[in-house]
Protein backbone atom coordinates (compact mmCIF):
# COMPACT_ATOMS: atom_id res chain seq x y z
CA MET A 1 0.00 0.00 0.00
CA GLU A 2 1.14 3.52 -0.68
CA ILE A 3 -0.18 4.75 2.66
CA GLN A 4 3.44 4.84 3.80
CA TYR A 5 3.86 8.11 1.90
CA ILE A 6 1.16 9.98 3.78
CA ARG A 7 1.33 8.39 7.22
CA GLU A 8 4.35 10.54 8.08
CA LEU A 9 2.35 13.76 7.70
CA PRO A 10 2.10 14.98 11.30
CA MET A 11 -0.94 17.22 10.77
CA LEU A 12 -3.03 14.63 8.94
CA ARG A 13 -6.29 14.13 10.86
CA GLU A 14 -8.86 13.58 8.11
CA LEU A 15 -8.46 11.24 5.17
CA ASN A 16 -10.93 10.47 2.41
CA LEU A 17 -10.33 7.27 0.43
CA LEU A 18 -13.81 7.03 -1.06
CA ARG A 19 -13.73 5.57 -4.58
CA ASN A 20 -10.14 4.45 -4.04
CA PRO A 21 -9.31 0.82 -4.94
CA ILE A 22 -7.90 0.29 -1.44
CA GLN A 23 -11.49 0.08 -0.21
CA GLU A 24 -11.76 -3.31 -1.87
CA LEU A 25 -9.24 -4.84 0.54
CA PRO A 26 -10.68 -6.72 3.52
CA ASP A 27 -10.54 -4.67 6.73
CA TYR A 28 -8.95 -1.74 4.91
CA ARG A 29 -10.45 0.76 7.34
CA LEU A 30 -8.87 -0.90 10.37
CA SER A 31 -5.59 -1.20 8.51
CA ILE A 32 -5.55 2.52 7.74
CA LEU A 33 -6.47 3.39 11.31
CA PHE A 34 -3.62 1.25 12.60
CA GLN A 35 -1.12 2.84 10.25
CA ILE A 36 -2.32 6.40 10.86
CA GLN A 37 -3.49 6.33 14.45
CA ARG A 38 -3.96 10.08 14.77
CA LEU A 39 -6.86 10.13 12.28
CA THR A 40 -10.10 11.50 13.64
CA GLU A 41 -12.07 11.05 10.42
CA LEU A 42 -11.81 8.48 7.65
CA ASP A 43 -13.97 8.45 4.53
CA ARG A 44 -16.14 11.24 5.93
CA HIS A 45 -16.97 9.19 9.03
CA LYS A 46 -15.76 9.95 12.53
CA VAL A 47 -13.26 7.42 13.86
CA GLU A 48 -14.80 5.71 16.87
CA VAL A 49 -12.86 4.64 19.96
CA GLU A 50 -13.99 1.05 19.38
CA GLU A 51 -12.29 1.07 15.98
CA LYS A 52 -9.01 2.25 17.46
CA VAL A 53 -9.19 -0.46 20.10
CA GLY A 54 -9.93 -3.00 17.37
CA THR A 55 -6.70 -2.20 15.55
CA SER A 56 -4.65 -3.43 18.49
CA ARG A 57 -6.16 -6.91 18.60
CA ALA A 58 -3.77 -9.69 17.66
CA SER A 59 -6.50 -11.57 15.77
CA PHE A 60 -6.89 -8.64 13.39
CA TRP A 61 -3.18 -8.56 12.55
CA GLU A 62 -2.98 -12.32 12.07
CA ASN A 63 -5.12 -11.79 8.96
CA TRP A 64 -2.78 -9.09 7.59
CA ALA A 65 0.50 -10.94 8.18
């Protein structure tokens, strides 16, 4: 994924990936939230605390390894 290029942007808080092919990947939203943990909004939807907690679960990352 090319997220590596934008995840280093320290002021990035909102990211819109609507109509981007990355949306076709399973669990893409959780993957993005893990990689850019400071996001407060993704795809025009507020990032919920439960989503951030979900990115730390080992079972989630077993699927991405």
